Amino acid sequence: MRLETRMRRFLSGDLYVAITHSFCRGRSALDVLDACLDAGVSLIQMREKDLGGAELYALGRAFRERTRAAGALLFINDRLDIALAVEADGAHLGRGDLPLAAARRIAPDLILGASSGCLDEALAAQEAGANYVNIGPIYPTPTKGVDSGAVGPESIGVLAPRLRIPLTCMGGIKQHNVHEVLAQGVRYVAVVTAVTAADDIRAAASALRTAIIEARRNGS
């Protein structure tokens, strides 16, 4: 699939769910994935930082089979090699991963996302070839494993006008505070535990999707 086709599908999405087994409350990552797909989530990231290459490949193949059948885009966190090997739609690269310019040369048709904590990082990622930038953490979150410093929802208003590419936001976003980021004009909200650790995964994903869609309809 060409990059342009993938980006059209990205732009039609709303909720972006990153799935990590350790944040699934004892449920399998694949069971959580299935519930997300049942809720209509079309942007899925496989985010497993503690698995070896062979395990990542096997899990990525299973994620790819399910997301392809559901018509959802699949992103692999950190590992461009795994993304290419399992025929994912994109890779999300952090500050310590393969540089974006190099990744773009290797994978011209994959969507490349980049993590950013400030305007300078976001602009640098955009110039290096990122197709979307993720700002965060918006609120304090346990998923990073370190105190990375919450940037607050107001940071979105600083970044968004300066970017030519889509902006996603992540970190501590839940149903009770999603309206705060949506009020800043965000169109794509990324979450981990708000969905993967929910009692009812499908209901949690559906509620967040509804909030995003309604905010767009109302011009937020």
Protein backbone atom coordinates (compact mmCIF):
# COMPACT_ATOMS: atom_id res chain seq x y z
CA MET A 1 0.00 0.00 0.00
CA ARG A 2 1.29 3.45 -0.85
CA LEU A 3 1.96 6.06 1.82
CA GLU A 4 -0.71 8.37 0.40
CA THR A 5 -3.37 5.68 0.79
CA ARG A 6 -2.27 4.91 4.32
CA MET A 7 -2.37 8.59 5.27
CA ARG A 8 -5.91 8.98 3.92
CA ARG A 9 -6.94 6.15 6.20
CA PHE A 10 -5.03 7.69 9.12
CA LEU A 11 -6.82 11.00 8.67
CA SER A 12 -10.19 9.25 8.84
CA GLY A 13 -9.34 7.76 12.25
CA ASP A 14 -10.01 9.17 15.70
CA LEU A 15 -8.85 7.06 18.69
CA TYR A 16 -5.32 5.63 18.61
CA VAL A 17 -4.81 2.75 21.05
CA ALA A 18 -1.34 1.52 22.01
CA ILE A 19 -1.46 -2.00 23.42
CA THR A 20 1.11 -3.27 25.94
CA HIS A 21 0.55 -6.66 27.58
CA SER A 22 1.77 -5.43 30.98
CA PHE A 23 -1.03 -2.83 31.02
CA CYS A 24 -3.81 -5.26 30.05
CA ARG A 25 -4.64 -6.42 33.60
CA GLY A 26 -3.76 -10.04 32.95
CA ARG A 27 -5.64 -10.29 29.67
CA SER A 28 -3.78 -11.17 26.51
CA ALA A 29 -2.74 -8.40 24.16
CA LEU A 30 -4.66 -10.14 21.39
CA ASP A 31 -7.88 -10.28 23.41
CA VAL A 32 -7.53 -6.55 24.11
CA LEU A 33 -6.85 -5.93 20.43
CA ASP A 34 -9.98 -7.82 19.43
CA ALA A 35 -12.11 -5.74 21.81
CA CYS A 36 -10.64 -2.51 20.43
CA LEU A 37 -11.35 -3.59 16.86
CA ASP A 38 -14.90 -4.54 17.87
CA ALA A 39 -15.30 -0.95 19.09
CA GLY A 40 -14.25 0.39 15.69
CA VAL A 41 -10.76 1.57 16.63
CA SER A 42 -8.84 1.97 13.37
CA LEU A 43 -5.45 3.14 14.68
CA ILE A 44 -3.62 0.44 16.63
CA GLN A 45 -0.08 0.40 17.95
CA MET A 46 1.71 -2.72 19.19
CA ARG A 47 3.82 -1.33 22.03
CA GLU A 48 5.95 -4.08 23.56
CA LYS A 49 9.31 -2.88 24.86
CA ASP A 50 10.39 -6.02 26.71
CA LEU A 51 10.08 -8.71 24.04
CA GLY A 52 12.87 -10.11 21.88
CA GLY A 53 12.84 -9.95 18.12
CA ALA A 54 11.34 -13.39 17.55
CA GLU A 55 8.53 -12.77 20.04
CA LEU A 56 7.83 -9.33 18.58
CA TYR A 57 7.67 -10.79 15.10
CA ALA A 58 5.24 -13.55 16.12
CA LEU A 59 2.98 -11.15 17.99
CA GLY A 60 3.21 -8.60 15.20
CA ARG A 61 2.07 -11.18 12.66
CA ALA A 62 -0.99 -11.94 14.79
CA PHE A 63 -1.72 -8.21 15.21
CA ARG A 64 -1.34 -7.74 11.45
CA GLU A 65 -3.75 -10.54 10.63
CA ARG A 66 -6.43 -9.12 12.91
CA THR A 67 -5.99 -5.45 12.00
CA ARG A 68 -5.98 -6.21 8.29
CA ALA A 69 -9.21 -8.19 8.58
CA ALA A 70 -10.81 -5.27 10.47
CA GLY A 71 -9.53 -2.60 8.09
CA ALA A 72 -7.42 -0.95 10.80
CA LEU A 73 -3.94 0.52 10.50
CA LEU A 74 -1.16 -1.15 12.48
CA PHE A 75 1.84 0.68 13.93
CA ILE A 76 4.82 -0.94 15.63
CA ASN A 77 6.48 0.98 18.44
CA ASP A 78 10.24 1.62 18.19
CA ARG A 79 11.12 -1.22 15.80
CA LEU A 80 11.11 -0.33 12.11
CA ASP A 81 12.53 -3.76 11.25
CA ILE A 82 9.57 -5.52 12.86
CA ALA A 83 7.14 -3.10 11.18
CA LEU A 84 8.57 -3.98 7.79
CA ALA A 85 8.77 -7.70 8.53
CA VAL A 86 5.11 -8.02 9.53
CA GLU A 87 3.89 -5.63 6.80
CA ALA A 88 2.59 -3.06 9.27
CA ASP A 89 1.33 0.31 8.10
CA GLY A 90 3.72 2.36 10.16
CA ALA A 91 6.23 2.67 12.95
CA HIS A 92 6.28 5.03 15.90
CA LEU A 93 9.81 6.16 16.69
CA GLY A 94 11.00 7.65 19.96
CA ARG A 95 13.92 9.93 20.66
CA GLY A 96 16.38 7.04 21.04
CA ASP A 97 15.24 5.02 18.03
CA LEU A 98 16.40 4.99 14.42
CA PRO A 99 16.54 8.59 13.14
CA LEU A 100 13.55 9.59 11.05
CA ALA A 101 15.55 10.51 7.97
CA ALA A 102 17.14 7.06 7.90
CA ALA A 103 13.80 5.38 8.56
CA ARG A 104 12.21 7.27 5.68
CA ARG A 105 14.93 6.08 3.26
CA ILE A 106 14.36 2.47 4.34
CA ALA A 107 10.56 2.60 4.44
CA PRO A 108 9.23 5.22 2.01
CA ASP A 109 5.66 3.91 2.12
CA LEU A 110 5.25 3.50 5.88
CA ILE A 111 3.62 6.11 8.10
CA LEU A 112 6.31 7.32 10.50
CA GLY A 113 5.27 8.85 13.80
CA ALA A 114 7.55 10.63 16.24
CA SER A 115 7.38 11.33 19.95
CA SER A 116 7.80 14.93 21.06
CA GLY A 117 7.77 16.79 24.33
CA CYS A 118 8.21 20.33 23.04
CA LEU A 119 7.85 22.58 19.99
CA ASP A 120 11.47 22.28 18.89
CA GLU A 121 11.32 18.47 18.89
CA ALA A 122 8.03 18.46 17.00
CA LEU A 123 9.33 20.83 14.32
CA ALA A 124 12.55 18.83 13.98
CA ALA A 125 10.56 15.62 13.52
CA GLN A 126 8.38 17.27 10.91
CA GLU A 127 11.40 18.44 8.92
CA ALA A 128 13.03 14.99 9.21
CA GLY A 129 10.07 13.33 7.51
CA ALA A 130 7.58 12.36 10.21
CA ASN A 131 4.00 11.89 9.01
CA TYR A 132 2.54 12.69 12.44
CA VAL A 133 3.89 13.91 15.75
CA ASN A 134 2.74 12.76 19.17
CA ILE A 135 2.94 15.28 22.00
CA GLY A 136 3.06 14.09 25.57
CA PRO A 137 2.73 13.08 28.21
CA ILE A 138 -0.19 15.48 28.57
CA TYR A 139 -0.89 14.34 32.14
CA PRO A 140 1.19 12.24 34.56
CA THR A 141 1.18 8.59 33.44
CA PRO A 142 2.62 5.28 34.69
CA THR A 143 3.19 3.89 31.19
CA LYS A 144 6.53 5.62 30.66
CA GLY A 145 8.20 3.96 33.65
CA VAL A 146 10.00 7.23 34.47
CA ASP A 147 8.97 10.73 35.48
CA SER A 148 9.06 12.31 32.04
CA GLY A 149 7.22 15.50 33.02
CA ALA A 150 3.63 16.21 31.98
CA VAL A 151 3.36 19.04 29.46
CA GLY A 152 -0.32 19.86 30.04
CA PRO A 153 -3.14 20.27 27.50
CA GLU A 154 -2.20 23.89 26.86
CA SER A 155 0.95 22.68 25.07
CA ILE A 156 -1.28 21.46 22.23
CA GLY A 157 -2.32 25.01 21.42
CA VAL A 158 1.34 26.00 21.14
CA LEU A 159 2.27 23.13 18.84
CA ALA A 160 -0.70 22.66 16.55
CA PRO A 161 -0.55 25.98 14.65
CA ARG A 162 3.12 25.39 13.80
CA LEU A 163 2.72 21.93 12.29
CA ARG A 164 1.86 20.91 8.75
CA ILE A 165 1.35 17.27 9.77
CA PRO A 166 -1.25 15.66 12.06
CA LEU A 167 -0.79 15.94 15.81
CA THR A 168 -1.73 13.22 18.26
CA CYS A 169 -1.53 13.57 22.03
CA MET A 170 -0.96 10.97 24.72
CA GLY A 171 -0.29 10.45 28.40
CA GLY A 172 -2.80 10.16 31.22
CA ILE A 173 -5.80 10.91 29.01
CA LYS A 174 -9.00 9.33 30.35
CA GLN A 175 -12.72 9.71 29.83
CA HIS A 176 -12.93 12.31 32.62
CA ASN A 177 -10.32 14.65 31.10
CA VAL A 178 -10.43 13.94 27.36
CA HIS A 179 -12.63 17.02 26.88
CA GLU A 180 -9.70 19.19 28.01
CA VAL A 181 -7.48 18.05 25.14
CA LEU A 182 -10.33 18.03 22.65
CA ALA A 183 -11.04 21.65 23.55
CA GLN A 184 -7.54 22.44 22.23
CA GLY A 185 -8.58 21.21 18.79
CA VAL A 186 -6.98 17.77 18.88
CA ARG A 187 -8.43 15.38 16.31
CA TYR A 188 -6.48 12.23 17.23
CA VAL A 189 -6.24 11.06 20.83
CA ALA A 190 -3.82 8.29 21.80
CA VAL A 191 -4.28 6.19 24.93
CA VAL A 192 -2.97 3.09 26.65
CA THR A 193 -4.53 2.23 30.01
CA ALA A 194 -7.72 4.27 29.49
CA VAL A 195 -8.69 1.39 27.20
CA THR A 196 -6.36 -1.56 27.83
CA ALA A 197 -6.86 -1.53 31.61
CA ALA A 198 -10.59 -0.78 31.53
CA ASP A 199 -13.10 -3.23 32.99
CA ASP A 200 -14.99 -3.15 29.70
CA ILE A 201 -12.47 -2.49 26.93
CA ARG A 202 -15.01 -2.19 24.15
CA ALA A 203 -17.17 0.26 26.11
CA ALA A 204 -14.17 2.38 27.10
CA ALA A 205 -12.92 2.62 23.52
CA SER A 206 -16.42 3.39 22.22
CA ALA A 207 -16.92 6.18 24.77
CA LEU A 208 -13.63 7.85 23.87
CA ARG A 209 -14.38 7.55 20.16
CA THR A 210 -17.78 9.15 20.72
CA ALA A 211 -16.20 12.07 22.61
CA ILE A 212 -13.71 12.67 19.78
CA ILE A 213 -16.31 12.44 17.03
CA GLU A 214 -18.72 14.76 18.85
CA ALA A 215 -15.96 17.31 19.47
CA ARG A 216 -15.16 17.34 15.76
CA ARG A 217 -18.81 17.74 14.88
CA ASN A 218 -19.11 20.68 17.27
CA GLY A 219 -15.97 22.32 15.92
CA SER A 220 -13.81 21.86 19.02
